[in-house]
Amino acid sequence: MDFQAFLITLRECLEAVLIVGLILGYLDRLNAPQYKKWVYAGVGLALLASLGVAFLFQVVFTSFASFGSDTYLRLGIMMISVILLTHMVLWMGKEAKENQQASQAKVAAAVSTGSAITMIIHSFLVIVREGIETVFFFAAISGGEIEKVLTSYGAVSGLLLALIFGYLFVSGTMKIPVKRFFQVTGILILFIAAGMLVQTIGRFQDLGLLGSLLTNADGTPAALYNIVGFMPEHYIDQIQYLRDTGNPTLISGQIGTFMGAMFGYSHNPSLEQVIAWWGYFAFAGFMLMRQNRTPKAAKKLQEVS
């Protein structure tokens, strides 16, 4: 959970810091530094609102848990998180330039009309979206225990590193390959999303809400394969394997636990889980290749014309 929290916090917070940096830089270009305080005010309100959403999420989870329905809420949040994480990676690069231009237009309009309220609202909206997304993802990776993620080493270190990188980039002190950074973290986040998808399918099957094409004699979903001897998904499975066979596993169950939390690894997945995992990456790979082809085709068309 710590690594997931670190990666998500680093990416979301760095994106937010860069957005604020671009707004402040654009105000300097407009020779309107007096509006910076209103940008900071909007950011502060957005942070408070994000913490409020986190508290509200925790209250909702506690309420659902009291009725014994928190499992279904967790599954719903995990499925929505898969969609949001995928959208963030596949379409953020495509929309980034358009969003930057729209943001600059709103900042210019606020300066031309002398509206501090407009500046506060704009800064608030662009940051609160990142904050709410982060809270949502935290709820998904922690099973609703958001306060544990907020105070985890992963979240804190991700925030600090994002602030450092953002400051160095915006101030021009250090050249950071932002595009490459988002590409690498994007791939890791796709793995997290795929893991959430596989875990959700497995949980639905455990609850009997989703069947399988391969079943055991009692009708429960059967494993497509079992590689517990190679790497068990939990340390308990490692102990049981050693007790039953007298042989140690090739890779420790502690590594399997990390791989399970990070990438949805299972040593005995169902057919549907395997199909979902590979199908997800087939879709993501197709969309990424399609996006990379489109700019090249447009460039060639411009050269011909």
C-alpha atoms as a PDB file:
ATOM      1  CA  MET A   1       0.000   0.000   0.000  1.00  0.00           C
ATOM      2  CA  ASP A   2       2.874   2.395   0.768  1.00  0.00           C
ATOM      3  CA  PHE A   3       4.313   2.170  -2.744  1.00  0.00           C
ATOM      4  CA  GLN A   4       0.892   2.629  -4.320  1.00  0.00           C
ATOM      5  CA  ALA A   5       0.263   5.653  -2.091  1.00  0.00           C
ATOM      6  CA  PHE A   6       3.705   7.044  -2.945  1.00  0.00           C
ATOM      7  CA  LEU A   7       3.212   6.695  -6.685  1.00  0.00           C
ATOM      8  CA  ILE A   8      -0.317   8.114  -6.741  1.00  0.00           C
ATOM      9  CA  THR A   9       0.551  11.002  -4.391  1.00  0.00           C
ATOM     10  CA  LEU A  10       3.712  11.857  -6.314  1.00  0.00           C
ATOM     11  CA  ARG A  11       1.945  11.953  -9.663  1.00  0.00           C
ATOM     12  CA  GLU A  12      -1.215  13.770  -8.535  1.00  0.00           C
ATOM     13  CA  CYS A  13       0.612  16.316  -6.371  1.00  0.00           C
ATOM     14  CA  LEU A  14       3.283  17.001  -8.981  1.00  0.00           C
ATOM     15  CA  GLU A  15       0.567  17.596 -11.548  1.00  0.00           C
ATOM     16  CA  ALA A  16      -1.147  20.024  -9.158  1.00  0.00           C
ATOM     17  CA  VAL A  17       2.127  21.826  -8.348  1.00  0.00           C
ATOM     18  CA  LEU A  18       2.930  22.212 -12.038  1.00  0.00           C
ATOM     19  CA  ILE A  19      -0.539  23.632 -12.721  1.00  0.00           C
ATOM     20  CA  VAL A  20      -0.104  26.214  -9.947  1.00  0.00           C
ATOM     21  CA  GLY A  21       3.390  26.996 -11.223  1.00  0.00           C
ATOM     22  CA  LEU A  22       2.076  27.593 -14.736  1.00  0.00           C
ATOM     23  CA  ILE A  23      -0.640  29.920 -13.417  1.00  0.00           C
ATOM     24  CA  LEU A  24       1.879  31.914 -11.372  1.00  0.00           C
ATOM     25  CA  GLY A  25       4.269  32.063 -14.313  1.00  0.00           C
ATOM     26  CA  TYR A  26       1.512  33.284 -16.599  1.00  0.00           C
ATOM     27  CA  LEU A  27       0.638  36.023 -14.103  1.00  0.00           C
ATOM     28  CA  ASP A  28       4.264  37.182 -14.285  1.00  0.00           C
ATOM     29  CA  ARG A  29       4.004  37.276 -18.079  1.00  0.00           C
ATOM     30  CA  LEU A  30       0.857  39.401 -17.736  1.00  0.00           C
ATOM     31  CA  ASN A  31       2.706  41.645 -15.264  1.00  0.00           C
ATOM     32  CA  ALA A  32       0.021  40.990 -12.653  1.00  0.00           C
ATOM     33  CA  PRO A  33       1.853  39.546  -9.616  1.00  0.00           C
ATOM     34  CA  GLN A  34      -0.716  41.103  -7.268  1.00  0.00           C
ATOM     35  CA  TYR A  35      -3.113  38.271  -8.164  1.00  0.00           C
ATOM     36  CA  LYS A  36      -0.783  35.554  -6.866  1.00  0.00           C
ATOM     37  CA  LYS A  37      -2.192  35.814  -3.346  1.00  0.00           C
ATOM     38  CA  TRP A  38      -5.628  34.900  -4.720  1.00  0.00           C
ATOM     39  CA  VAL A  39      -4.146  31.859  -6.434  1.00  0.00           C
ATOM     40  CA  TYR A  40      -2.695  30.746  -3.089  1.00  0.00           C
ATOM     41  CA  ALA A  41      -6.076  31.371  -1.466  1.00  0.00           C
ATOM     42  CA  GLY A  42      -7.769  29.117  -4.025  1.00  0.00           C
ATOM     43  CA  VAL A  43      -5.166  26.406  -3.496  1.00  0.00           C
ATOM     44  CA  GLY A  44      -5.615  26.585   0.278  1.00  0.00           C
ATOM     45  CA  LEU A  45      -9.384  26.256  -0.030  1.00  0.00           C
ATOM     46  CA  ALA A  46      -8.932  23.305  -2.403  1.00  0.00           C
ATOM     47  CA  LEU A  47      -6.706  21.519   0.122  1.00  0.00           C
ATOM     48  CA  LEU A  48      -9.268  22.068   2.878  1.00  0.00           C
ATOM     49  CA  ALA A  49     -12.039  20.813   0.598  1.00  0.00           C
ATOM     50  CA  SER A  50     -10.014  17.698  -0.257  1.00  0.00           C
ATOM     51  CA  LEU A  51      -9.508  16.930   3.430  1.00  0.00           C
ATOM     52  CA  GLY A  52     -13.239  17.435   3.919  1.00  0.00           C
ATOM     53  CA  VAL A  53     -13.964  14.929   1.154  1.00  0.00           C
ATOM     54  CA  ALA A  54     -11.555  12.468   2.781  1.00  0.00           C
ATOM     55  CA  PHE A  55     -13.388  12.850   6.100  1.00  0.00           C
ATOM     56  CA  LEU A  56     -16.744  12.417   4.344  1.00  0.00           C
ATOM     57  CA  PHE A  57     -15.507   9.265   2.622  1.00  0.00           C
ATOM     58  CA  GLN A  58     -14.443   7.868   5.989  1.00  0.00           C
ATOM     59  CA  VAL A  59     -17.848   8.634   7.511  1.00  0.00           C
ATOM     60  CA  VAL A  60     -19.611   6.944   4.587  1.00  0.00           C
ATOM     61  CA  PHE A  61     -17.401   3.861   4.870  1.00  0.00           C
ATOM     62  CA  THR A  62     -18.045   3.635   8.603  1.00  0.00           C
ATOM     63  CA  SER A  63     -21.796   3.932   8.008  1.00  0.00           C
ATOM     64  CA  PHE A  64     -21.772   1.199   5.361  1.00  0.00           C
ATOM     65  CA  ALA A  65     -19.645  -1.016   7.615  1.00  0.00           C
ATOM     66  CA  SER A  66     -22.207  -0.718  10.407  1.00  0.00           C
ATOM     67  CA  PHE A  67     -24.809  -2.190   8.034  1.00  0.00           C
ATOM     68  CA  GLY A  68     -22.426  -4.853   6.725  1.00  0.00           C
ATOM     69  CA  SER A  69     -22.449  -3.373   3.218  1.00  0.00           C
ATOM     70  CA  ASP A  70     -18.927  -1.924   3.118  1.00  0.00           C
ATOM     71  CA  THR A  71     -17.682  -4.765   0.885  1.00  0.00           C
ATOM     72  CA  TYR A  72     -19.947  -3.687  -1.958  1.00  0.00           C
ATOM     73  CA  LEU A  73     -18.930  -0.054  -1.512  1.00  0.00           C
ATOM     74  CA  ARG A  74     -15.250  -1.020  -1.702  1.00  0.00           C
ATOM     75  CA  LEU A  75     -15.841  -3.028  -4.865  1.00  0.00           C
ATOM     76  CA  GLY A  76     -17.713  -0.136  -6.444  1.00  0.00           C
ATOM     77  CA  ILE A  77     -14.939   2.312  -5.594  1.00  0.00           C
ATOM     78  CA  MET A  78     -12.298  -0.064  -6.958  1.00  0.00           C
ATOM     79  CA  MET A  79     -14.140  -0.381 -10.275  1.00  0.00           C
ATOM     80  CA  ILE A  80     -14.557   3.393 -10.579  1.00  0.00           C
ATOM     81  CA  SER A  81     -10.875   3.849  -9.668  1.00  0.00           C
ATOM     82  CA  VAL A  82      -9.871   1.504 -12.493  1.00  0.00           C
ATOM     83  CA  ILE A  83     -11.755   3.745 -14.933  1.00  0.00           C
ATOM     84  CA  LEU A  84     -10.354   6.981 -13.467  1.00  0.00           C
ATOM     85  CA  LEU A  85      -6.755   5.737 -13.359  1.00  0.00           C
ATOM     86  CA  THR A  86      -6.990   4.492 -16.929  1.00  0.00           C
ATOM     87  CA  HIS A  87      -8.477   7.776 -18.113  1.00  0.00           C
ATOM     88  CA  MET A  88      -5.806   9.744 -16.262  1.00  0.00           C
ATOM     89  CA  VAL A  89      -2.990   7.876 -18.024  1.00  0.00           C
ATOM     90  CA  LEU A  90      -4.441   7.427 -21.511  1.00  0.00           C
ATOM     91  CA  TRP A  91      -6.070  10.804 -22.013  1.00  0.00           C
ATOM     92  CA  MET A  92      -4.223  13.229 -19.732  1.00  0.00           C
ATOM     93  CA  GLY A  93      -1.429  13.827 -22.257  1.00  0.00           C
ATOM     94  CA  LYS A  94      -3.938  14.464 -25.010  1.00  0.00           C
ATOM     95  CA  GLU A  95      -5.927  16.951 -22.940  1.00  0.00           C
ATOM     96  CA  ALA A  96      -2.998  18.647 -21.169  1.00  0.00           C
ATOM     97  CA  LYS A  97      -2.284  21.243 -23.875  1.00  0.00           C
ATOM     98  CA  GLU A  98      -5.965  22.125 -24.286  1.00  0.00           C
ATOM     99  CA  ASN A  99      -6.386  22.434 -20.505  1.00  0.00           C
ATOM    100  CA  GLN A 100      -3.329  24.682 -20.259  1.00  0.00           C
ATOM    101  CA  GLN A 101      -4.654  26.998 -22.963  1.00  0.00           C
ATOM    102  CA  ALA A 102      -8.083  27.118 -21.314  1.00  0.00           C
ATOM    103  CA  SER A 103      -6.482  27.851 -17.941  1.00  0.00           C
ATOM    104  CA  GLN A 104      -4.431  30.710 -19.367  1.00  0.00           C
ATOM    105  CA  ALA A 105      -7.536  32.165 -21.000  1.00  0.00           C
ATOM    106  CA  LYS A 106      -9.398  32.138 -17.679  1.00  0.00           C
ATOM    107  CA  VAL A 107      -6.454  33.718 -15.866  1.00  0.00           C
ATOM    108  CA  ALA A 108      -6.196  36.437 -18.514  1.00  0.00           C
ATOM    109  CA  ALA A 109      -9.938  37.101 -18.258  1.00  0.00           C
ATOM    110  CA  ALA A 110      -9.732  37.385 -14.465  1.00  0.00           C
ATOM    111  CA  VAL A 111      -6.841  39.856 -14.721  1.00  0.00           C
ATOM    112  CA  SER A 112      -8.536  41.955 -17.408  1.00  0.00           C
ATOM    113  CA  THR A 113     -11.727  42.257 -15.345  1.00  0.00           C
ATOM    114  CA  GLY A 114      -9.878  42.680 -12.054  1.00  0.00           C
ATOM    115  CA  SER A 115     -11.851  39.823 -10.493  1.00  0.00           C
ATOM    116  CA  ALA A 116     -10.134  38.266  -7.484  1.00  0.00           C
ATOM    117  CA  ILE A 117     -13.103  35.928  -6.976  1.00  0.00           C
ATOM    118  CA  THR A 118     -12.662  34.477 -10.468  1.00  0.00           C
ATOM    119  CA  MET A 119      -8.970  33.846  -9.766  1.00  0.00           C
ATOM    120  CA  ILE A 120      -9.764  32.114  -6.475  1.00  0.00           C
ATOM    121  CA  ILE A 121     -12.469  29.950  -8.055  1.00  0.00           C
ATOM    122  CA  HIS A 122     -10.267  28.946 -10.991  1.00  0.00           C
ATOM    123  CA  SER A 123      -7.326  28.016  -8.750  1.00  0.00           C
ATOM    124  CA  PHE A 124      -9.682  26.150  -6.446  1.00  0.00           C
ATOM    125  CA  LEU A 125     -11.264  24.086  -9.231  1.00  0.00           C
ATOM    126  CA  VAL A 126      -8.037  23.013 -10.942  1.00  0.00           C
ATOM    127  CA  ILE A 127      -6.549  21.807  -7.639  1.00  0.00           C
ATOM    128  CA  VAL A 128      -9.606  20.336  -5.937  1.00  0.00           C
ATOM    129  CA  ARG A 129     -10.049  17.906  -8.845  1.00  0.00           C
ATOM    130  CA  GLU A 130      -6.594  16.467  -8.180  1.00  0.00           C
ATOM    131  CA  GLY A 131      -7.330  16.321  -4.457  1.00  0.00           C
ATOM    132  CA  ILE A 132     -10.633  14.483  -4.845  1.00  0.00           C
ATOM    133  CA  GLU A 133      -9.079  12.016  -7.299  1.00  0.00           C
ATOM    134  CA  THR A 134      -6.312  11.307  -4.785  1.00  0.00           C
ATOM    135  CA  VAL A 135      -8.816  10.707  -1.981  1.00  0.00           C
ATOM    136  CA  PHE A 136     -10.789   8.367  -4.228  1.00  0.00           C
ATOM    137  CA  PHE A 137      -7.684   6.368  -5.149  1.00  0.00           C
ATOM    138  CA  PHE A 138      -6.639   6.214  -1.495  1.00  0.00           C
ATOM    139  CA  ALA A 139     -10.040   4.763  -0.637  1.00  0.00           C
ATOM    140  CA  ALA A 140      -9.586   2.104  -3.316  1.00  0.00           C
ATOM    141  CA  ILE A 141      -6.091   0.940  -2.305  1.00  0.00           C
ATOM    142  CA  SER A 142      -6.827   0.990   1.435  1.00  0.00           C
ATOM    143  CA  GLY A 143     -10.277  -0.572   1.486  1.00  0.00           C
ATOM    144  CA  GLY A 144     -11.727   2.614   2.932  1.00  0.00           C
ATOM    145  CA  GLU A 145      -9.120   3.256   5.642  1.00  0.00           C
ATOM    146  CA  ILE A 146      -8.155   6.601   4.147  1.00  0.00           C
ATOM    147  CA  GLU A 147      -6.622   8.026   7.322  1.00  0.00           C
ATOM    148  CA  LYS A 148      -3.973   5.270   7.287  1.00  0.00           C
ATOM    149  CA  VAL A 149      -2.931   6.174   3.748  1.00  0.00           C
ATOM    150  CA  LEU A 150      -2.869   9.914   4.459  1.00  0.00           C
ATOM    151  CA  THR A 151      -0.367   9.367   7.275  1.00  0.00           C
ATOM    152  CA  SER A 152       1.628   6.611   5.560  1.00  0.00           C
ATOM    153  CA  TYR A 153       5.275   6.971   4.592  1.00  0.00           C
ATOM    154  CA  GLY A 154       4.299   6.537   0.955  1.00  0.00           C
ATOM    155  CA  ALA A 155       1.868   9.464   0.867  1.00  0.00           C
ATOM    156  CA  VAL A 156       4.091  11.807   2.892  1.00  0.00           C
ATOM    157  CA  SER A 157       7.239  11.055   0.879  1.00  0.00           C
ATOM    158  CA  GLY A 158       5.305  11.339  -2.394  1.00  0.00           C
ATOM    159  CA  LEU A 159       4.014  14.773  -1.366  1.00  0.00           C
ATOM    160  CA  LEU A 160       7.456  16.035  -0.318  1.00  0.00           C
ATOM    161  CA  LEU A 161       9.106  14.773  -3.494  1.00  0.00           C
ATOM    162  CA  ALA A 162       6.376  16.348  -5.641  1.00  0.00           C
ATOM    163  CA  LEU A 163       6.891  19.714  -3.931  1.00  0.00           C
ATOM    164  CA  ILE A 164      10.662  19.511  -4.448  1.00  0.00           C
ATOM    165  CA  PHE A 165      10.423  18.472  -8.106  1.00  0.00           C
ATOM    166  CA  GLY A 166       7.718  21.036  -8.778  1.00  0.00           C
ATOM    167  CA  TYR A 167       9.711  23.878  -7.242  1.00  0.00           C
ATOM    168  CA  LEU A 168      12.884  22.946  -9.116  1.00  0.00           C
ATOM    169  CA  PHE A 169      11.000  22.703 -12.398  1.00  0.00           C
ATOM    170  CA  VAL A 170       8.953  25.895 -12.051  1.00  0.00           C
ATOM    171  CA  SER A 171      11.894  27.952 -10.780  1.00  0.00           C
ATOM    172  CA  GLY A 172      14.085  26.695 -13.626  1.00  0.00           C
ATOM    173  CA  THR A 173      16.728  25.522 -11.156  1.00  0.00           C
ATOM    174  CA  MET A 174      16.707  22.035 -12.612  1.00  0.00           C
ATOM    175  CA  LYS A 175      15.503  20.608 -15.907  1.00  0.00           C
ATOM    176  CA  ILE A 176      13.169  17.703 -15.189  1.00  0.00           C
ATOM    177  CA  PRO A 177      11.969  15.479 -18.065  1.00  0.00           C
ATOM    178  CA  VAL A 178       8.334  15.884 -17.057  1.00  0.00           C
ATOM    179  CA  LYS A 179       6.973  14.100 -20.125  1.00  0.00           C
ATOM    180  CA  ARG A 180       9.194  11.063 -19.526  1.00  0.00           C
ATOM    181  CA  PHE A 181       8.313  11.097 -15.831  1.00  0.00           C
ATOM    182  CA  PHE A 182       4.587  10.954 -16.557  1.00  0.00           C
ATOM    183  CA  GLN A 183       5.140   8.206 -19.131  1.00  0.00           C
ATOM    184  CA  VAL A 184       6.996   5.986 -16.638  1.00  0.00           C
ATOM    185  CA  THR A 185       4.600   6.624 -13.758  1.00  0.00           C
ATOM    186  CA  GLY A 186       1.722   6.165 -16.192  1.00  0.00           C
ATOM    187  CA  ILE A 187       2.848   2.623 -16.998  1.00  0.00           C
ATOM    188  CA  LEU A 188       3.134   1.792 -13.291  1.00  0.00           C
ATOM    189  CA  ILE A 189      -0.325   3.236 -12.651  1.00  0.00           C
ATOM    190  CA  LEU A 190      -1.750   1.084 -15.451  1.00  0.00           C
ATOM    191  CA  PHE A 191      -0.359  -1.936 -13.599  1.00  0.00           C
ATOM    192  CA  ILE A 192      -2.062  -0.732 -10.413  1.00  0.00           C
ATOM    193  CA  ALA A 193      -5.351  -0.302 -12.293  1.00  0.00           C
ATOM    194  CA  ALA A 194      -5.037  -3.775 -13.835  1.00  0.00           C
ATOM    195  CA  GLY A 195      -4.389  -5.188 -10.374  1.00  0.00           C
ATOM    196  CA  MET A 196      -7.499  -3.481  -8.996  1.00  0.00           C
ATOM    197  CA  LEU A 197      -9.556  -4.897 -11.870  1.00  0.00           C
ATOM    198  CA  VAL A 198      -8.315  -8.440 -11.270  1.00  0.00           C
ATOM    199  CA  GLN A 199      -8.820  -8.176  -7.505  1.00  0.00           C
ATOM    200  CA  THR A 200     -12.364  -6.888  -8.001  1.00  0.00           C
ATOM    201  CA  ILE A 201     -13.241  -9.770 -10.321  1.00  0.00           C
ATOM    202  CA  GLY A 202     -11.789 -12.258  -7.841  1.00  0.00           C
ATOM    203  CA  ARG A 203     -13.777 -10.723  -5.004  1.00  0.00           C
ATOM    204  CA  PHE A 204     -17.003 -10.850  -7.028  1.00  0.00           C
ATOM    205  CA  GLN A 205     -16.344 -14.540  -7.678  1.00  0.00           C
ATOM    206  CA  ASP A 206     -15.600 -15.201  -3.999  1.00  0.00           C
ATOM    207  CA  LEU A 207     -18.941 -13.608  -3.096  1.00  0.00           C
ATOM    208  CA  GLY A 208     -20.752 -15.716  -5.669  1.00  0.00           C
ATOM    209  CA  LEU A 209     -21.815 -12.650  -7.658  1.00  0.00           C
ATOM    210  CA  LEU A 210     -19.821 -13.690 -10.723  1.00  0.00           C
ATOM    211  CA  GLY A 211     -19.488 -17.186 -12.132  1.00  0.00           C
ATOM    212  CA  SER A 212     -16.731 -18.781 -14.178  1.00  0.00           C
ATOM    213  CA  LEU A 213     -16.368 -20.858 -17.315  1.00  0.00           C
ATOM    214  CA  LEU A 214     -14.061 -23.153 -15.338  1.00  0.00           C
ATOM    215  CA  THR A 215     -15.594 -24.499 -12.135  1.00  0.00           C
ATOM    216  CA  ASN A 216     -14.803 -27.020  -9.440  1.00  0.00           C
ATOM    217  CA  ALA A 217     -17.085 -29.921  -8.589  1.00  0.00           C
ATOM    218  CA  ASP A 218     -18.957 -27.737  -6.101  1.00  0.00           C
ATOM    219  CA  GLY A 219     -19.583 -25.049  -8.726  1.00  0.00           C
ATOM    220  CA  THR A 220     -17.069 -22.519  -7.399  1.00  0.00           C
ATOM    221  CA  PRO A 221     -14.635 -20.857  -9.847  1.00  0.00           C
ATOM    222  CA  ALA A 222     -11.614 -23.058 -10.545  1.00  0.00           C
ATOM    223  CA  ALA A 223      -8.042 -21.813 -10.867  1.00  0.00           C
ATOM    224  CA  LEU A 224      -6.672 -21.694 -14.401  1.00  0.00           C
ATOM    225  CA  TYR A 225      -3.255 -22.621 -12.996  1.00  0.00           C
ATOM    226  CA  ASN A 226      -1.508 -22.797  -9.627  1.00  0.00           C
ATOM    227  CA  ILE A 227       2.094 -21.615  -9.233  1.00  0.00           C
ATOM    228  CA  VAL A 228       2.201 -21.388  -5.450  1.00  0.00           C
ATOM    229  CA  GLY A 229       5.507 -23.283  -5.526  1.00  0.00           C
ATOM    230  CA  PHE A 230       7.000 -20.523  -7.651  1.00  0.00           C
ATOM    231  CA  MET A 231       5.717 -17.502  -5.713  1.00  0.00           C
ATOM    232  CA  PRO A 232       2.822 -17.644  -3.236  1.00  0.00           C
ATOM    233  CA  GLU A 233       0.686 -14.535  -2.995  1.00  0.00           C
ATOM    234  CA  HIS A 234       0.917 -14.480   0.792  1.00  0.00           C
ATOM    235  CA  TYR A 235       3.377 -15.609   3.460  1.00  0.00           C
ATOM    236  CA  ILE A 236       0.697 -17.903   4.941  1.00  0.00           C
ATOM    237  CA  ASP A 237       0.486 -19.731   1.606  1.00  0.00           C
ATOM    238  CA  GLN A 238       4.259 -20.159   1.721  1.00  0.00           C
ATOM    239  CA  ILE A 239       4.069 -21.761   5.167  1.00  0.00           C
ATOM    240  CA  GLN A 240       1.239 -24.071   4.093  1.00  0.00           C
ATOM    241  CA  TYR A 241       3.129 -25.122   0.955  1.00  0.00           C
ATOM    242  CA  LEU A 242       6.227 -25.933   3.022  1.00  0.00           C
ATOM    243  CA  ARG A 243       4.115 -27.911   5.500  1.00  0.00           C
ATOM    244  CA  ASP A 244       2.285 -29.877   2.793  1.00  0.00           C
ATOM    245  CA  THR A 245       5.216 -30.636   0.474  1.00  0.00           C
ATOM    246  CA  GLY A 246       8.303 -30.227   2.618  1.00  0.00           C
ATOM    247  CA  ASN A 247       9.784 -27.979  -0.085  1.00  0.00           C
ATOM    248  CA  PRO A 248      10.408 -24.228   0.121  1.00  0.00           C
ATOM    249  CA  THR A 249       8.897 -21.907  -2.470  1.00  0.00           C
ATOM    250  CA  LEU A 250      11.192 -20.458  -5.116  1.00  0.00           C
ATOM    251  CA  ILE A 251      10.273 -16.856  -4.241  1.00  0.00           C
ATOM    252  CA  SER A 252       9.181 -15.604  -0.823  1.00  0.00           C
ATOM    253  CA  GLY A 253       5.525 -15.007  -0.076  1.00  0.00           C
ATOM    254  CA  GLN A 254       6.449 -11.534   1.172  1.00  0.00           C
ATOM    255  CA  ILE A 255       7.373 -10.584  -2.394  1.00  0.00           C
ATOM    256  CA  GLY A 256       4.145 -12.211  -3.545  1.00  0.00           C
ATOM    257  CA  THR A 257       2.215 -10.036  -1.096  1.00  0.00           C
ATOM    258  CA  PHE A 258       3.808  -6.912  -2.577  1.00  0.00           C
ATOM    259  CA  MET A 259       3.117  -8.091  -6.132  1.00  0.00           C
ATOM    260  CA  GLY A 260      -0.469  -8.854  -5.181  1.00  0.00           C
ATOM    261  CA  ALA A 261      -1.053  -5.443  -3.624  1.00  0.00           C
ATOM    262  CA  MET A 262       0.745  -3.616  -6.404  1.00  0.00           C
ATOM    263  CA  PHE A 263      -0.198  -5.539  -9.538  1.00  0.00           C
ATOM    264  CA  GLY A 264      -3.018  -7.878  -8.508  1.00  0.00           C
ATOM    265  CA  TYR A 265      -0.796 -10.971  -8.645  1.00  0.00           C
ATOM    266  CA  SER A 266      -2.397 -14.293  -7.726  1.00  0.00           C
ATOM    267  CA  HIS A 267      -0.753 -17.711  -7.776  1.00  0.00           C
ATOM    268  CA  ASN A 268      -4.082 -19.359  -8.632  1.00  0.00           C
ATOM    269  CA  PRO A 269      -6.186 -16.937 -10.720  1.00  0.00           C
ATOM    270  CA  SER A 270      -9.466 -17.806 -12.376  1.00  0.00           C
ATOM    271  CA  LEU A 271      -9.879 -17.823 -16.146  1.00  0.00           C
ATOM    272  CA  GLU A 272     -11.770 -14.528 -16.005  1.00  0.00           C
ATOM    273  CA  GLN A 273      -9.014 -12.843 -13.997  1.00  0.00           C
ATOM    274  CA  VAL A 274      -6.362 -13.859 -16.528  1.00  0.00           C
ATOM    275  CA  ILE A 275      -8.505 -12.717 -19.455  1.00  0.00           C
ATOM    276  CA  ALA A 276      -9.250  -9.403 -17.711  1.00  0.00           C
ATOM    277  CA  TRP A 277      -5.558  -8.735 -16.971  1.00  0.00           C
ATOM    278  CA  TRP A 278      -4.331  -9.404 -20.513  1.00  0.00           C
ATOM    279  CA  GLY A 279      -7.402  -7.808 -22.072  1.00  0.00           C
ATOM    280  CA  TYR A 280      -6.860  -4.638 -20.059  1.00  0.00           C
ATOM    281  CA  PHE A 281      -3.286  -4.250 -21.284  1.00  0.00           C
ATOM    282  CA  ALA A 282      -4.296  -5.090 -24.851  1.00  0.00           C
ATOM    283  CA  PHE A 283      -6.808  -2.221 -24.695  1.00  0.00           C
ATOM    284  CA  ALA A 284      -4.362   0.177 -22.994  1.00  0.00           C
ATOM    285  CA  GLY A 285      -1.583  -0.693 -25.446  1.00  0.00           C
ATOM    286  CA  PHE A 286      -3.883  -0.190 -28.423  1.00  0.00           C
ATOM    287  CA  MET A 287      -5.024   3.214 -27.154  1.00  0.00           C
ATOM    288  CA  LEU A 288      -1.452   4.359 -26.462  1.00  0.00           C
ATOM    289  CA  MET A 289      -0.250   3.298 -29.925  1.00  0.00           C
ATOM    290  CA  ARG A 290      -3.243   5.011 -31.486  1.00  0.00           C
ATOM    291  CA  GLN A 291      -2.451   8.249 -29.671  1.00  0.00           C
ATOM    292  CA  ASN A 292       1.203   8.090 -30.740  1.00  0.00           C
ATOM    293  CA  ARG A 293       0.225   7.484 -34.370  1.00  0.00           C
ATOM    294  CA  THR A 294      -2.214  10.395 -34.554  1.00  0.00           C
ATOM    295  CA  PRO A 295       0.332  13.253 -34.027  1.00  0.00           C
ATOM    296  CA  LYS A 296       2.743  11.641 -36.506  1.00  0.00           C
ATOM    297  CA  ALA A 297       0.022  11.317 -39.131  1.00  0.00           C
ATOM    298  CA  ALA A 298      -1.021  14.934 -38.593  1.00  0.00           C
ATOM    299  CA  LYS A 299       2.596  16.084 -38.922  1.00  0.00           C
ATOM    300  CA  LYS A 300       3.046  14.202 -42.212  1.00  0.00           C
ATOM    301  CA  LEU A 301      -0.202  15.690 -43.508  1.00  0.00           C
ATOM    302  CA  GLN A 302       1.047  19.183 -42.696  1.00  0.00           C
ATOM    303  CA  GLU A 303       4.345  18.485 -44.472  1.00  0.00           C
ATOM    304  CA  VAL A 304       2.531  17.267 -47.600  1.00  0.00           C
ATOM    305  CA  SER A 305       0.178  20.232 -47.636  1.00  0.00           C
END
